Amino acid sequence: MDTKWQPTLNTVGRSKYKALADNIREGVAAGTLLSGDRLPPVRDLAYRLSVTPGTVARAYTVLTEEGVLQAGVGRGTFVAEAATQADSAHDWPTTLTLRSPQVPDMGQSQLLREAMQTCADSMTAQDLLMYPSRMDDLPLRRALRHWMADLPIGNFTAEDIVLSHGAQSALMLVMQTVLRGPDPVVAVESLTYPGFRRAAELCRARVIGIGCDTEGPIVAELEAAVRDHGAQLFCTSSEVNNPTLRTTSPARRREIAALAQRLGLHVVDDDCYTIGPHRDESYHSLLPNLGWYVSSLSKSLTPALRVGYVVAPLDRVPDLARTAAFSYFGLSRPLAELTLAVMNDPRILSVAAKIRARINEMVRVAVNHLGGHNVTWHQDVPFLWVSLPQGWRASSFTRTAEAQGVIVKSSEEFVLRDARAPHAVRVAVNGLVDPARFEAGIIQLRKLLDNPREEITV
């Protein structure tokens, strides 16, 4: 028989599903709901509470993942046995890693499994034994062109796309294609993705930092990097700066494009973290002969495929394709076919939308807890930039957080080696952990932010 328990929702400051989940937890803790009690069916409880069935289903799902409830196919949803609840509580990993964004599994792993089977059954011996060629991956490039159809990156075709082993590999390809001379120089923003610097160092290039203001990179400093240091390439992320989430304003993009055109400066626009609508044109659109667009499937679907891509300026496509061919001949045929099968699956757009929705939800959870501090965020970006209150330094905060089971990334990892880092940390969304575990980690970070530890050195 269903329990006669009737929740009372207090949704002030909370989502309805969270309020319901909290009410059920309180009922279990108080003994109102006992182990083995069957909860009302989703639709019945939704009707009684005047909420949508989706709200009830979501609350049940969260509590089932926590181990508070158990769901039996065709039998209903029950309060879990006390021992099961205790075991579930200990299933959480001792350390919660929030250093790098992790994509939640919203069905893409199953698509990958099915695609692997399909590819294994359909590929011939020749497909599996031959070196790859650029013609082999043309169907995948066409699929990616369709994937990018709504992006403001200018006119291009599948022929203008070169595939790589992730976006970091794509950056390397651009640098190897563009940089010339015995002392090449790459300009980057002073607070930015460290992969730019590492790729430049592998290409034996010097790196020059460019200061930024609220509009984006400072044009005068970029001009000085070209005129005084001979910078040949500027690496930036106009939509989402990693880690600050700053977006380069439309006016500043056009100033930078005009400068680059006048001085012959190549600009690579790394767009890996944009999973929502774009705010303005990419440099590939603003600089058709000098703008390079780089992205990958890592943040929108899965990093496991290791498929990145570059949209090159029209007259540089042969040069970039030759660099890729000299480096690794091209993507392996099985990898290209697997990725193509996933991209062509009619369910992929729905899965991508669910991934985005889950990231939105987890970002909002983090902001709800951390919003009393100086936090920069956007619902479509899977990390937050937290400026630390007085009394915390980035290094001491990250050490203390790790000692308490939460790992975040210090601002020091995003600046050039001789630059001064702000007192801030990047907190990433980890979609691979239970949402309740993620929220618990965020709460732990808030407690640290609320209680700075003043450091005195002599």
Protein backbone atom coordinates (compact mmCIF):
# COMPACT_ATOMS: atom_id res chain seq x y z
CA MET A 1 0.00 0.00 0.00
CA ASP A 2 1.14 3.54 -0.67
CA THR A 3 2.11 5.57 2.38
CA LYS A 4 -0.35 8.28 3.44
CA TRP A 5 2.56 10.68 3.87
CA GLN A 6 1.78 14.12 2.47
CA PRO A 7 4.68 16.56 1.89
CA THR A 8 4.40 20.31 2.37
CA LEU A 9 6.54 22.19 -0.11
CA ASN A 10 8.44 25.27 0.98
CA THR A 11 10.00 26.44 -2.28
CA VAL A 12 11.34 29.78 -1.09
CA GLY A 13 14.80 30.10 -2.64
CA ARG A 14 14.68 26.55 -4.00
CA SER A 15 13.47 24.67 -7.05
CA LYS A 16 10.29 22.65 -6.50
CA TYR A 17 12.06 19.33 -7.06
CA LYS A 18 14.72 20.27 -4.50
CA ALA A 19 12.04 21.26 -1.99
CA LEU A 20 10.30 17.92 -2.51
CA ALA A 21 13.57 15.98 -2.21
CA ASP A 22 14.39 17.82 1.02
CA ASN A 23 10.92 17.06 2.38
CA ILE A 24 11.35 13.35 1.66
CA ARG A 25 14.80 13.32 3.30
CA GLU A 26 13.31 15.03 6.37
CA GLY A 27 10.51 12.48 6.45
CA VAL A 28 12.98 9.61 6.39
CA ALA A 29 15.17 11.21 9.06
CA ALA A 30 12.17 11.87 11.33
CA GLY A 31 10.76 8.38 10.91
CA THR A 32 7.61 9.58 9.19
CA LEU A 33 8.77 7.56 6.19
CA LEU A 34 10.07 4.13 7.13
CA SER A 35 12.30 1.69 5.26
CA GLY A 36 10.17 -0.22 2.78
CA ASP A 37 7.38 2.39 2.57
CA ARG A 38 6.18 2.87 -0.98
CA LEU A 39 5.92 6.46 -2.12
CA PRO A 40 2.94 7.66 -4.16
CA PRO A 41 3.15 7.20 -7.94
CA VAL A 42 4.65 10.15 -9.75
CA ARG A 43 1.43 11.37 -11.34
CA ASP A 44 -0.61 10.97 -8.16
CA LEU A 45 1.83 12.96 -6.07
CA ALA A 46 2.18 15.60 -8.78
CA TYR A 47 -1.61 16.05 -8.79
CA ARG A 48 -1.76 16.31 -4.99
CA LEU A 49 1.02 18.92 -4.93
CA SER A 50 -0.09 20.82 -8.06
CA VAL A 51 3.29 20.37 -9.70
CA THR A 52 4.35 18.69 -12.93
CA PRO A 53 5.08 14.95 -13.03
CA GLY A 54 8.58 15.88 -14.16
CA THR A 55 9.17 17.69 -10.86
CA VAL A 56 8.26 14.62 -8.83
CA ALA A 57 10.21 12.28 -11.12
CA ARG A 58 13.29 14.47 -10.81
CA ALA A 59 13.11 14.49 -7.01
CA TYR A 60 12.69 10.71 -6.97
CA THR A 61 15.66 10.31 -9.32
CA VAL A 62 17.94 12.49 -7.17
CA LEU A 63 17.02 10.52 -4.03
CA THR A 64 17.39 7.19 -5.80
CA GLU A 65 20.91 8.18 -6.89
CA GLU A 66 21.65 9.15 -3.27
CA GLY A 67 20.39 5.79 -2.03
CA VAL A 68 17.52 7.29 0.02
CA LEU A 69 14.98 5.67 -2.30
CA GLN A 70 14.91 2.49 -4.35
CA ALA A 71 13.01 2.08 -7.61
CA GLY A 72 11.66 -1.29 -8.68
CA VAL A 73 10.60 -1.75 -12.30
CA GLY A 74 6.83 -2.16 -12.30
CA ARG A 75 6.70 -2.05 -8.49
CA GLY A 76 7.09 1.64 -7.66
CA THR A 77 9.45 3.73 -5.57
CA PHE A 78 10.27 2.75 -1.98
CA VAL A 79 12.23 4.13 0.94
CA ALA A 80 15.52 2.24 0.93
CA GLU A 81 16.62 0.04 3.78
CA ALA A 82 18.71 1.93 6.34
CA ALA A 83 21.77 -0.19 5.60
CA THR A 84 21.49 0.60 1.91
CA GLN A 85 21.25 4.31 2.65
CA ALA A 86 24.36 4.15 4.81
CA ASP A 87 26.28 2.21 2.19
CA SER A 88 25.26 4.72 -0.46
CA ALA A 89 26.52 7.62 1.64
CA HIS A 90 29.95 5.99 1.69
CA ASP A 91 29.93 5.50 -2.09
CA TRP A 92 30.96 9.12 -2.58
CA PRO A 93 34.62 9.47 -3.48
CA THR A 94 36.79 10.80 -0.67
CA THR A 95 38.03 13.59 -2.92
CA LEU A 96 35.82 15.60 -5.29
CA THR A 97 37.75 16.87 -8.29
CA LEU A 98 36.54 20.22 -9.63
CA ARG A 99 39.76 21.08 -11.47
CA SER A 100 38.53 20.43 -15.00
CA PRO A 101 34.98 20.29 -16.39
CA GLN A 102 33.57 16.79 -16.80
CA VAL A 103 30.69 16.21 -19.21
CA PRO A 104 27.63 14.52 -17.65
CA ASP A 105 26.48 11.30 -19.26
CA MET A 106 23.07 12.08 -20.70
CA GLY A 107 23.00 9.15 -23.10
CA GLN A 108 26.12 9.75 -25.19
CA SER A 109 27.92 6.76 -23.70
CA GLN A 110 25.16 4.48 -24.95
CA LEU A 111 25.31 6.12 -28.38
CA LEU A 112 29.04 5.42 -28.41
CA ARG A 113 28.54 1.78 -27.49
CA GLU A 114 25.99 1.32 -30.24
CA ALA A 115 28.16 3.19 -32.74
CA MET A 116 31.13 0.96 -31.90
CA GLN A 117 29.10 -2.11 -32.67
CA THR A 118 27.77 -0.61 -35.90
CA CYS A 119 31.26 0.38 -37.05
CA ALA A 120 32.72 -3.01 -36.14
CA ASP A 121 30.07 -4.72 -38.24
CA SER A 122 30.23 -2.37 -41.22
CA MET A 123 33.93 -1.64 -41.73
CA THR A 124 35.81 -3.80 -44.22
CA ALA A 125 39.27 -5.28 -43.79
CA GLN A 126 40.63 -2.59 -46.10
CA ASP A 127 39.09 0.12 -43.90
CA LEU A 128 40.89 -1.38 -40.91
CA LEU A 129 44.27 -1.97 -42.55
CA MET A 130 44.94 1.11 -44.69
CA TYR A 131 46.52 4.42 -43.74
CA PRO A 132 43.92 7.22 -43.51
CA SER A 133 43.60 9.91 -46.17
CA ARG A 134 41.91 13.30 -46.26
CA MET A 135 39.23 11.89 -48.56
CA ASP A 136 38.35 9.22 -45.97
CA ASP A 137 37.27 11.77 -43.38
CA LEU A 138 35.24 13.95 -45.79
CA PRO A 139 31.89 12.54 -44.55
CA LEU A 140 32.85 13.43 -40.98
CA ARG A 141 33.92 16.92 -42.04
CA ARG A 142 30.52 17.35 -43.70
CA ALA A 143 28.79 16.24 -40.52
CA LEU A 144 30.82 18.75 -38.50
CA ARG A 145 29.99 21.48 -41.01
CA HIS A 146 26.33 20.73 -40.35
CA TRP A 147 27.03 20.71 -36.59
CA MET A 148 28.47 24.24 -36.91
CA ALA A 149 25.75 25.50 -39.24
CA ASP A 150 24.41 28.16 -36.86
CA LEU A 151 27.76 29.49 -35.65
CA PRO A 152 28.78 33.04 -36.65
CA ILE A 153 32.15 32.03 -38.06
CA GLY A 154 31.71 33.17 -41.67
CA ASN A 155 31.45 31.28 -44.93
CA PHE A 156 33.18 27.92 -45.12
CA THR A 157 32.66 24.41 -46.46
CA ALA A 158 33.70 20.96 -45.33
CA GLU A 159 36.80 21.39 -47.52
CA ASP A 160 37.99 24.20 -45.21
CA ILE A 161 37.96 21.93 -42.13
CA VAL A 162 41.01 19.99 -40.96
CA LEU A 163 40.53 17.34 -38.27
CA SER A 164 42.86 16.85 -35.33
CA HIS A 165 43.24 14.81 -32.16
CA GLY A 166 41.43 17.28 -29.90
CA ALA A 167 41.59 21.07 -29.75
CA GLN A 168 45.08 21.12 -28.24
CA SER A 169 46.34 19.23 -31.28
CA ALA A 170 44.45 21.72 -33.45
CA LEU A 171 46.29 24.64 -31.81
CA MET A 172 49.60 22.92 -32.49
CA LEU A 173 48.67 22.47 -36.13
CA VAL A 174 47.87 26.18 -36.52
CA MET A 175 51.13 27.22 -34.87
CA GLN A 176 53.17 24.80 -36.97
CA THR A 177 51.51 26.22 -40.09
CA VAL A 178 51.76 29.92 -39.24
CA LEU A 179 54.97 30.46 -37.25
CA ARG A 180 58.13 31.25 -39.16
CA GLY A 181 61.75 32.17 -38.47
CA PRO A 182 64.29 31.31 -35.76
CA ASP A 183 62.51 33.27 -33.00
CA PRO A 184 58.73 33.04 -33.46
CA VAL A 185 56.49 34.90 -31.02
CA VAL A 186 52.94 34.11 -29.92
CA ALA A 187 50.73 36.61 -28.08
CA VAL A 188 48.19 35.42 -25.50
CA GLU A 189 46.01 37.14 -22.95
CA SER A 190 47.77 37.60 -19.62
CA LEU A 191 45.18 35.43 -17.86
CA THR A 192 44.15 32.60 -20.14
CA TYR A 193 44.09 28.91 -21.02
CA PRO A 194 47.57 27.48 -20.25
CA GLY A 195 47.39 25.21 -23.30
CA PHE A 196 48.17 28.22 -25.50
CA ARG A 197 51.50 28.70 -23.72
CA ARG A 198 52.33 25.01 -23.72
CA ALA A 199 51.62 24.63 -27.43
CA ALA A 200 53.79 27.67 -28.18
CA GLU A 201 56.65 26.28 -26.11
CA LEU A 202 56.49 22.99 -28.00
CA CYS A 203 56.83 25.03 -31.19
CA ARG A 204 59.88 26.81 -29.65
CA ALA A 205 58.02 30.12 -29.64
CA ARG A 206 58.29 32.94 -27.13
CA VAL A 207 55.04 33.98 -25.45
CA ILE A 208 54.02 37.60 -24.83
CA GLY A 209 51.19 38.45 -22.44
CA ILE A 210 48.48 40.92 -23.43
CA GLY A 211 46.59 42.79 -20.73
CA CYS A 212 42.81 42.97 -20.76
CA ASP A 213 40.09 45.32 -19.59
CA THR A 214 36.35 44.78 -19.32
CA GLU A 215 35.99 44.84 -23.12
CA GLY A 216 38.68 42.26 -23.82
CA PRO A 217 42.34 42.30 -24.92
CA ILE A 218 43.89 45.77 -24.96
CA VAL A 219 44.56 46.72 -28.58
CA ALA A 220 47.55 48.94 -27.83
CA GLU A 221 49.35 46.12 -26.04
CA LEU A 222 48.62 43.73 -28.88
CA GLU A 223 50.01 46.24 -31.37
CA ALA A 224 53.15 46.61 -29.26
CA ALA A 225 53.57 42.83 -29.20
CA VAL A 226 53.61 42.84 -33.00
CA ARG A 227 55.75 45.92 -33.54
CA ASP A 228 58.22 45.46 -30.68
CA HIS A 229 58.43 41.67 -30.43
CA GLY A 230 57.40 40.44 -33.88
CA ALA A 231 54.33 38.48 -32.74
CA GLN A 232 52.98 36.44 -35.64
CA LEU A 233 49.96 34.82 -33.95
CA PHE A 234 47.46 35.89 -31.31
CA CYS A 235 45.68 33.08 -29.41
CA THR A 236 42.41 34.07 -27.80
CA SER A 237 38.91 32.90 -26.92
CA SER A 238 36.54 35.67 -27.90
CA GLU A 239 33.37 34.01 -26.60
CA VAL A 240 34.50 32.53 -23.28
CA ASN A 241 37.85 33.39 -21.77
CA ASN A 242 39.15 30.49 -19.73
CA PRO A 243 39.20 31.06 -16.75
CA THR A 244 37.54 34.48 -16.27
CA LEU A 245 34.50 33.85 -18.53
CA ARG A 246 35.00 37.31 -20.02
CA THR A 247 33.58 37.80 -23.51
CA THR A 248 35.37 40.12 -25.92
CA SER A 249 32.91 42.85 -26.84
CA PRO A 250 31.79 43.21 -30.48
CA ALA A 251 33.50 46.61 -30.75
CA ARG A 252 36.79 45.27 -29.37
CA ARG A 253 36.71 42.28 -31.73
CA ARG A 254 36.47 44.64 -34.66
CA GLU A 255 39.31 46.79 -33.35
CA ILE A 256 41.51 43.71 -33.01
CA ALA A 257 40.49 42.46 -36.46
CA ALA A 258 41.36 45.84 -38.02
CA LEU A 259 44.75 45.81 -36.28
CA ALA A 260 45.46 42.23 -37.34
CA GLN A 261 44.54 43.00 -40.93
CA ARG A 262 46.80 46.06 -41.00
CA LEU A 263 49.80 44.26 -39.44
CA GLY A 264 49.32 40.79 -40.96
CA LEU A 265 48.72 39.17 -37.56
CA HIS A 266 47.08 35.74 -37.53
CA VAL A 267 44.36 35.23 -34.89
CA VAL A 268 43.26 31.82 -33.65
CA ASP A 269 39.88 31.79 -31.90
CA ASP A 270 39.53 28.85 -29.48
CA ASP A 271 35.81 28.18 -29.04
CA CYS A 272 35.81 24.95 -27.05
CA TYR A 273 33.72 26.14 -24.11
CA THR A 274 30.76 27.71 -25.93
CA ILE A 275 27.82 25.30 -25.70
CA GLY A 276 25.11 27.96 -25.94
CA PRO A 277 24.35 30.85 -28.31
CA HIS A 278 27.27 32.98 -29.50
CA ARG A 279 27.33 36.68 -28.71
CA ASP A 280 29.11 37.91 -31.84
CA GLU A 281 31.19 36.97 -34.86
CA SER A 282 34.33 34.89 -34.58
CA TYR A 283 37.65 36.17 -35.90
CA HIS A 284 37.37 33.64 -38.72
CA SER A 285 34.41 35.69 -39.93
CA LEU A 286 35.99 39.09 -39.22
CA LEU A 287 39.37 38.10 -40.71
CA PRO A 288 38.70 35.76 -43.66
CA ASN A 289 42.39 35.63 -44.65
CA LEU A 290 43.95 35.61 -41.14
CA GLY A 291 41.35 34.16 -38.76
CA TRP A 292 41.47 30.52 -37.59
CA TYR A 293 38.60 28.85 -35.74
CA VAL A 294 39.38 25.95 -33.35
CA SER A 295 36.98 23.76 -31.42
CA SER A 296 36.24 20.14 -30.48
CA LEU A 297 33.54 17.77 -29.25
CA SER A 298 35.14 17.45 -25.82
CA LYS A 299 32.98 19.92 -23.88
CA SER A 300 29.70 19.37 -25.73
CA LEU A 301 29.66 15.55 -26.04
CA THR A 302 32.71 13.67 -24.74
CA PRO A 303 36.47 14.19 -24.51
CA ALA A 304 37.02 10.46 -25.06
CA LEU A 305 36.73 10.72 -28.85
CA ARG A 306 39.66 13.17 -29.05
CA VAL A 307 38.32 14.84 -32.17
CA GLY A 308 39.08 18.50 -32.71
CA TYR A 309 38.85 20.63 -35.82
CA VAL A 310 40.18 23.80 -37.39
CA VAL A 311 38.35 26.00 -39.86
CA ALA A 312 41.21 27.62 -41.75
CA PRO A 313 41.35 30.79 -43.86
CA LEU A 314 40.50 29.82 -47.40
CA ASP A 315 43.98 30.28 -48.90
CA ARG A 316 45.66 28.44 -46.00
CA VAL A 317 43.64 25.21 -46.08
CA PRO A 318 46.25 23.34 -48.20
CA ASP A 319 49.03 24.44 -45.83
CA LEU A 320 47.11 23.28 -42.76
CA ALA A 321 46.11 19.98 -44.37
CA ARG A 322 49.75 19.36 -45.29
CA THR A 323 50.84 20.07 -41.69
CA ALA A 324 48.29 17.52 -40.44
CA ALA A 325 49.37 14.95 -43.03
CA PHE A 326 53.03 15.37 -42.10
CA SER A 327 52.17 15.07 -38.39
CA TYR A 328 49.86 12.04 -38.27
CA PHE A 329 48.48 11.38 -41.80
CA GLY A 330 44.95 12.09 -40.52
CA LEU A 331 42.46 10.64 -38.08
CA SER A 332 42.44 6.86 -38.00
CA ARG A 333 39.61 5.41 -40.06
CA PRO A 334 37.93 3.64 -37.10
CA LEU A 335 37.94 6.85 -35.03
CA ALA A 336 36.56 8.91 -37.93
CA GLU A 337 33.83 6.34 -38.64
CA LEU A 338 32.88 6.05 -34.96
CA THR A 339 32.60 9.82 -34.60
CA LEU A 340 30.59 10.04 -37.83
CA ALA A 341 28.16 7.40 -36.59
CA VAL A 342 27.62 9.35 -33.37
CA MET A 343 27.21 12.67 -35.21
CA ASN A 344 24.68 11.17 -37.63
CA ASP A 345 22.61 9.53 -34.89
CA PRO A 346 19.18 11.24 -34.84
CA ARG A 347 19.30 11.27 -31.02
CA ILE A 348 22.49 13.32 -30.82
CA LEU A 349 20.81 16.76 -30.74
CA SER A 350 18.55 15.66 -27.90
CA VAL A 351 21.53 14.29 -25.98
CA ALA A 352 23.49 17.52 -26.51
CA ALA A 353 20.50 19.53 -25.26
CA LYS A 354 20.29 17.36 -22.14
CA ILE A 355 24.01 17.81 -21.50
CA ARG A 356 23.61 21.56 -21.74
CA ALA A 357 20.57 21.48 -19.44
CA ARG A 358 22.42 19.45 -16.81
CA ILE A 359 25.40 21.81 -16.95
CA ASN A 360 22.99 24.77 -16.59
CA GLU A 361 21.47 23.11 -13.53
CA MET A 362 24.80 22.36 -11.86
CA VAL A 363 26.07 25.89 -12.49
CA ARG A 364 22.93 27.29 -10.88
CA VAL A 365 23.44 25.02 -7.87
CA ALA A 366 26.97 26.36 -7.49
CA VAL A 367 25.85 29.98 -7.87
CA ASN A 368 23.05 29.52 -5.34
CA HIS A 369 25.65 28.56 -2.74
CA LEU A 370 28.58 30.76 -3.80
CA GLY A 371 26.65 33.80 -5.00
CA GLY A 372 27.29 35.74 -1.81
CA HIS A 373 30.91 36.06 -2.92
CA ASN A 374 32.53 37.61 -5.99
CA VAL A 375 31.69 34.95 -8.57
CA THR A 376 31.71 35.25 -12.35
CA TRP A 377 29.58 32.68 -14.15
CA HIS A 378 27.39 31.89 -17.12
CA GLN A 379 24.86 29.09 -17.18
CA ASP A 380 26.24 27.66 -20.43
CA VAL A 381 29.87 27.55 -19.26
CA PRO A 382 30.92 24.56 -17.10
CA PHE A 383 33.09 26.48 -14.65
CA LEU A 384 32.98 29.51 -12.35
CA TRP A 385 35.63 32.11 -11.57
CA VAL A 386 35.74 32.91 -7.86
CA SER A 387 37.63 35.97 -6.63
CA LEU A 388 38.74 35.14 -3.10
CA PRO A 389 37.82 37.32 -0.12
CA GLN A 390 40.53 39.15 1.77
CA GLY A 391 42.50 36.72 3.89
CA TRP A 392 42.72 33.98 1.25
CA ARG A 393 45.48 33.57 -1.30
CA ALA A 394 44.89 31.26 -4.24
CA SER A 395 47.60 28.80 -3.23
CA SER A 396 46.51 28.52 0.41
CA PHE A 397 42.84 28.24 -0.55
CA THR A 398 43.46 25.39 -2.99
CA ARG A 399 45.63 23.54 -0.44
CA THR A 400 43.01 23.93 2.29
CA ALA A 401 40.18 22.90 -0.04
CA GLU A 402 42.08 19.79 -1.12
CA ALA A 403 42.77 18.87 2.50
CA GLN A 404 39.00 19.00 3.01
CA GLY A 405 38.28 16.84 -0.03
CA VAL A 406 37.66 19.34 -2.85
CA ILE A 407 40.20 20.05 -5.61
CA VAL A 408 39.94 23.31 -7.59
CA LYS A 409 42.35 25.11 -9.90
CA SER A 410 44.38 28.09 -8.74
CA SER A 411 44.65 31.28 -10.79
CA GLU A 412 48.42 30.70 -10.83
CA GLU A 413 47.92 28.00 -13.47
CA PHE A 414 46.45 30.51 -15.94
CA VAL A 415 49.14 33.21 -15.93
CA LEU A 416 52.53 33.37 -17.59
CA ARG A 417 55.38 32.13 -15.45
CA ASP A 418 56.70 35.60 -14.64
CA ALA A 419 53.28 37.20 -14.15
CA ARG A 420 51.42 37.99 -10.96
CA ALA A 421 48.29 35.92 -10.35
CA PRO A 422 45.09 37.35 -8.85
CA HIS A 423 43.70 35.80 -5.70
CA ALA A 424 41.11 33.66 -7.42
CA VAL A 425 40.27 30.06 -8.28
CA ARG A 426 38.40 28.30 -11.04
CA VAL A 427 35.69 25.88 -9.92
CA ALA A 428 34.66 23.42 -12.62
CA VAL A 429 31.44 21.47 -13.04
CA ASN A 430 31.99 17.74 -12.60
CA GLY A 431 29.05 16.08 -14.34
CA LEU A 432 30.37 12.59 -13.64
CA VAL A 433 29.59 12.70 -9.93
CA ASP A 434 26.25 12.46 -8.18
CA PRO A 435 24.58 15.92 -8.15
CA ALA A 436 24.25 15.70 -4.38
CA ARG A 437 28.00 15.02 -4.07
CA PHE A 438 28.73 18.01 -6.30
CA GLU A 439 26.48 20.23 -4.19
CA ALA A 440 28.12 18.99 -0.99
CA GLY A 441 31.53 19.94 -2.40
CA ILE A 442 30.29 23.40 -3.36
CA ILE A 443 28.92 23.86 0.16
CA GLN A 444 32.34 22.95 1.53
CA LEU A 445 33.93 25.62 -0.67
CA ARG A 446 31.40 28.18 0.53
CA LYS A 447 32.30 27.43 4.13
CA LEU A 448 35.95 28.12 3.32
CA LEU A 449 35.06 31.36 1.54
CA ASP A 450 32.95 32.41 4.50
CA ASN A 451 35.87 31.88 6.88
CA PRO A 452 39.11 33.27 5.40
CA ARG A 453 42.37 32.33 7.10
CA GLU A 454 44.54 35.38 7.28
CA GLU A 455 48.17 34.47 6.56
CA ILE A 456 50.90 36.49 8.24
CA THR A 457 54.47 36.07 7.04
CA VAL A 458 57.63 37.46 8.62
